[in-house]
C-alpha cells in the first residue's frame, strides 16, 4: 500500500517522461485525492529539445483523462514539469482502494535522426493506504449497576471519528450522547431496570 509512487518511460537515450504521484486522504469522507506530476526529463547536458509548437499531453487517473497543451522544449540536464492533474477517489466501504495511472505525450520531434510521435507511460496499478472505518466500543465493567457510573470507550479507528451512543433494552431505545470521541461516562438511570 502507498501514498506516493513514480513511473517512467526512457523512450530515447538521454530522454524520459515520468509521472510522480502523491495522495492525501480524508478519513471522514473516505476518499483519497491524487495529485500527479508529468515531467519531461533530459538526463545530460547534450540532450536538448527545441520545439515551438504546442504538444498534446494526457494523464489518466482511475479512468479519468486530463488533457493539456504543453511546450516540450528542454535544455540539457533539465527536469521540466509539463502538467499537474488532481483527482479525488472514493474508497470502498471497508476503506480499501486501488487505482491505475498512465499518461502520454505527443512529442512529435526528431531526435538523432529518429522521429518520435507519441511517447507513453503504460498504466500501472497502485493500492492506496486503507482508510480506517470501524470503531470497536467497550465498557469498563462486565455488568452494570443502575445508578453507578460506567465508562464507555469508543476505541475509535481514527481521530477523525466521533460517535453517537445509544442503548436498547427489550426493544426500548434512547440516545445516550452525541459527538463522543474517545470515551463517555454514563450513569444508567434506575428506571431502566423496569424496562
Protein backbone atom coordinates (compact mmCIF):
# COMPACT_ATOMS: atom_id res chain seq x y z
CA UNK A 1 0.00 0.00 0.00
CA UNK A 2 1.22 3.50 -0.74
CA UNK A 3 0.54 7.22 -0.70
CA UNK A 4 3.03 8.01 -3.47
CA UNK A 5 4.67 6.45 -6.48
CA UNK A 6 6.56 7.01 -9.70
CA UNK A 7 6.54 5.53 -13.22
CA UNK A 8 8.56 6.44 -16.28
CA UNK A 9 9.47 5.68 -19.88
CA UNK A 10 13.10 6.26 -21.03
CA UNK A 11 11.98 6.47 -24.64
CA UNK A 12 15.35 7.56 -26.05
CA UNK A 13 18.91 7.66 -24.70
CA UNK A 14 19.14 10.89 -22.74
CA UNK A 15 15.38 11.47 -22.52
CA UNK A 16 12.50 10.15 -20.48
CA UNK A 17 8.98 11.03 -19.47
CA UNK A 18 7.93 10.45 -15.88
CA UNK A 19 4.81 10.64 -13.73
CA UNK A 20 5.18 11.13 -9.98
CA UNK A 21 2.06 10.98 -7.83
CA UNK A 22 1.15 11.53 -4.22
CA UNK A 23 -2.08 11.14 -2.26
CA UNK A 24 -3.72 12.82 0.69
CA UNK A 25 -6.52 11.04 2.50
CA UNK A 26 -9.74 12.37 4.03
CA UNK A 27 -10.70 9.87 6.72
CA UNK A 28 -14.13 11.35 7.39
CA UNK A 29 -15.10 11.38 3.70
CA UNK A 30 -13.38 8.02 2.98
CA UNK A 31 -11.56 9.49 -0.04
CA UNK A 32 -8.06 9.96 -1.39
CA UNK A 33 -7.01 12.91 -3.53
CA UNK A 34 -4.33 12.00 -6.07
CA UNK A 35 -2.01 14.66 -7.45
CA UNK A 36 0.02 13.59 -10.48
CA UNK A 37 3.00 15.44 -11.97
CA UNK A 38 4.07 14.76 -15.58
CA UNK A 39 7.73 15.52 -16.36
CA UNK A 40 9.91 15.61 -19.45
CA UNK A 41 13.49 14.92 -18.41
CA UNK A 42 16.82 15.40 -20.18
CA UNK A 43 19.43 13.28 -18.43
CA UNK A 44 22.55 15.06 -19.67
CA UNK A 45 23.98 18.31 -20.93
CA UNK A 46 23.98 17.34 -24.62
CA UNK A 47 20.33 16.25 -24.76
CA UNK A 48 18.16 19.15 -25.89
CA UNK A 49 14.76 19.53 -27.49
CA UNK A 50 13.74 22.65 -29.37
CA UNK A 51 10.07 22.68 -30.31
CA UNK A 52 7.97 25.81 -30.69
CA UNK A 53 4.61 24.15 -31.42
CA UNK A 54 2.32 23.10 -28.57
CA UNK A 55 2.04 19.35 -27.97
CA UNK A 56 -0.83 17.25 -26.64
CA UNK A 57 -0.40 15.59 -23.24
CA UNK A 58 -2.77 13.43 -21.23
CA UNK A 59 -2.78 11.98 -17.73
CA UNK A 60 -5.26 9.21 -16.91
CA UNK A 61 -6.09 8.66 -13.24
CA UNK A 62 -8.53 5.89 -12.32
CA UNK A 63 -10.11 6.08 -15.78
CA UNK A 64 -10.49 9.87 -15.90
CA UNK A 65 -8.44 11.64 -18.58
CA UNK A 66 -6.94 15.09 -18.08
CA UNK A 67 -5.73 16.77 -21.27
CA UNK A 68 -3.22 19.58 -21.76
CA UNK A 69 -1.35 21.53 -24.42
CA UNK A 70 2.31 21.88 -23.48
CA UNK A 71 5.70 23.10 -24.66
CA UNK A 72 8.33 20.35 -24.79
CA UNK A 73 11.47 22.49 -25.24
CA UNK A 74 14.11 21.32 -22.75
CA UNK A 75 17.75 22.16 -22.21
CA UNK A 76 20.46 19.66 -21.34
CA UNK A 77 20.00 18.17 -17.89
CA UNK A 78 16.62 19.84 -17.30
CA UNK A 79 13.70 18.26 -15.49
CA UNK A 80 10.64 20.07 -16.85
CA UNK A 81 7.21 19.85 -15.24
CA UNK A 82 4.73 19.78 -18.11
CA UNK A 83 1.41 19.26 -16.33
CA UNK A 84 -0.27 18.58 -12.99
CA UNK A 85 -3.55 16.73 -12.50
CA UNK A 86 -5.61 16.28 -9.34
CA UNK A 87 -8.29 13.63 -8.93
CA UNK A 88 -10.35 12.52 -5.91
CA UNK A 89 -11.15 8.83 -5.48
CA UNK A 90 -13.84 7.35 -3.22
CA UNK A 91 -12.67 4.34 -1.22
CA UNK A 92 -14.63 1.14 -0.72
CA UNK A 93 -16.82 0.76 2.35
CA UNK A 94 -14.04 -1.16 4.11
CA UNK A 95 -11.54 1.64 3.42
CA UNK A 96 -9.56 -0.18 0.71
CA UNK A 97 -8.94 1.20 -2.79
CA UNK A 98 -6.67 0.62 -5.76
CA UNK A 99 -6.29 2.77 -8.84
CA UNK A 100 -4.32 2.92 -12.09
CA UNK A 101 -2.41 5.82 -13.59
CA UNK A 102 -0.93 6.35 -17.05
CA UNK A 103 -0.02 9.12 -19.46
CA UNK A 104 1.09 10.05 -22.95
CA UNK A 105 2.82 12.91 -24.72
CA UNK A 106 2.51 13.70 -28.43
CA UNK A 107 6.08 14.88 -28.50
CA UNK A 108 6.39 14.86 -32.33
CA UNK A 109 10.13 15.55 -32.57
CA UNK A 110 13.12 14.09 -34.37
CA UNK A 111 15.99 13.13 -32.08
CA UNK A 112 19.31 11.96 -33.56
CA UNK A 113 17.59 11.24 -36.86
CA UNK A 114 14.71 9.23 -35.39
CA UNK A 115 11.18 10.61 -35.31
CA UNK A 116 9.16 10.20 -32.12
CA UNK A 117 5.44 10.80 -32.40
CA UNK A 118 3.62 9.84 -29.20
CA UNK A 119 5.51 8.50 -26.20
CA UNK A 120 3.53 6.84 -23.45
CA UNK A 121 3.68 5.55 -19.91
CA UNK A 122 1.65 2.35 -19.63
CA UNK A 123 -0.93 2.06 -16.88
CA UNK A 124 0.36 0.87 -13.52
CA UNK A 125 -1.91 -0.07 -10.63
CA UNK A 126 -1.33 1.01 -7.05
CA UNK A 127 -3.06 0.07 -3.80
CA UNK A 128 -3.69 3.10 -1.61
CA UNK A 129 -3.34 3.00 2.15
CA UNK A 130 -6.50 1.61 3.72
CA UNK A 131 -8.58 4.28 5.45
CA UNK A 132 -9.74 3.05 8.89
CA UNK A 133 -13.52 2.64 9.04
CA UNK A 134 -14.51 0.67 12.16
CA UNK A 135 -14.54 1.51 15.85
CA UNK A 136 -14.79 -1.23 18.49
CA UNK A 137 -16.60 0.07 21.59
CA UNK A 138 -16.09 -1.48 25.03
CA UNK A 139 -17.29 -0.70 28.55
CA UNK A 140 -15.41 -0.52 31.83
CA UNK A 141 -17.39 -3.29 33.56
CA UNK A 142 -18.84 -6.64 32.57
CA UNK A 143 -22.08 -5.85 34.42
CA UNK A 144 -23.86 -2.61 35.19
CA UNK A 145 -25.43 -1.44 38.48
CA UNK A 146 -28.18 1.06 37.88
CA UNK A 147 -27.25 4.44 39.28
CA UNK A 148 -23.50 3.78 39.17
CA UNK A 149 -21.27 5.32 36.51
CA UNK A 150 -19.63 3.22 33.84
CA UNK A 151 -17.16 4.32 31.17
CA UNK A 152 -17.89 3.64 27.52
CA UNK A 153 -14.76 3.57 25.35
CA UNK A 154 -15.15 4.02 21.62
CA UNK A 155 -11.73 2.63 20.66
CA UNK A 156 -12.14 4.72 17.55
CA UNK A 157 -10.24 3.68 14.43
CA UNK A 158 -9.34 7.27 13.58
CA UNK A 159 -9.09 10.57 15.43
CA UNK A 160 -11.41 11.96 12.74
CA UNK A 161 -14.28 9.85 14.08
CA UNK A 162 -16.95 10.87 16.58
CA UNK A 163 -19.82 8.71 17.76
CA UNK A 164 -23.42 8.74 18.87
CA UNK A 165 -24.13 6.38 21.79
CA UNK A 166 -27.49 4.67 22.24
CA UNK A 167 -28.94 1.93 24.42
CA UNK A 168 -31.51 -0.70 23.53
CA UNK A 169 -33.28 -2.70 26.26
CA UNK A 170 -36.16 -5.02 25.44
CA UNK A 171 -36.96 -3.01 22.35
CA UNK A 172 -36.71 0.34 24.13
CA UNK A 173 -34.09 2.61 22.57
CA UNK A 174 -32.78 6.03 23.51
CA UNK A 175 -29.85 8.32 22.81
CA UNK A 176 -27.15 8.48 25.49
CA UNK A 177 -24.76 11.04 23.98
CA UNK A 178 -23.64 12.56 20.69
CA UNK A 179 -20.25 13.62 19.40
CA UNK A 180 -18.32 11.25 21.64
CA UNK A 181 -14.65 10.96 20.69
CA UNK A 182 -12.64 8.64 22.98
CA UNK A 183 -14.87 7.84 25.95
CA UNK A 184 -18.02 8.81 27.83
CA UNK A 185 -19.02 8.35 31.48
CA UNK A 186 -22.66 7.28 31.78
CA UNK A 187 -24.86 6.71 34.81
CA UNK A 188 -27.63 4.28 33.80
CA UNK A 189 -30.83 5.56 35.46
CA UNK A 190 -32.59 3.20 37.83
CA UNK A 191 -35.74 3.49 35.69
CA UNK A 192 -34.07 1.28 33.13
CA UNK A 193 -34.46 -1.68 35.48
CA UNK A 194 -38.20 -1.72 34.84
CA UNK A 195 -37.90 -1.94 31.08
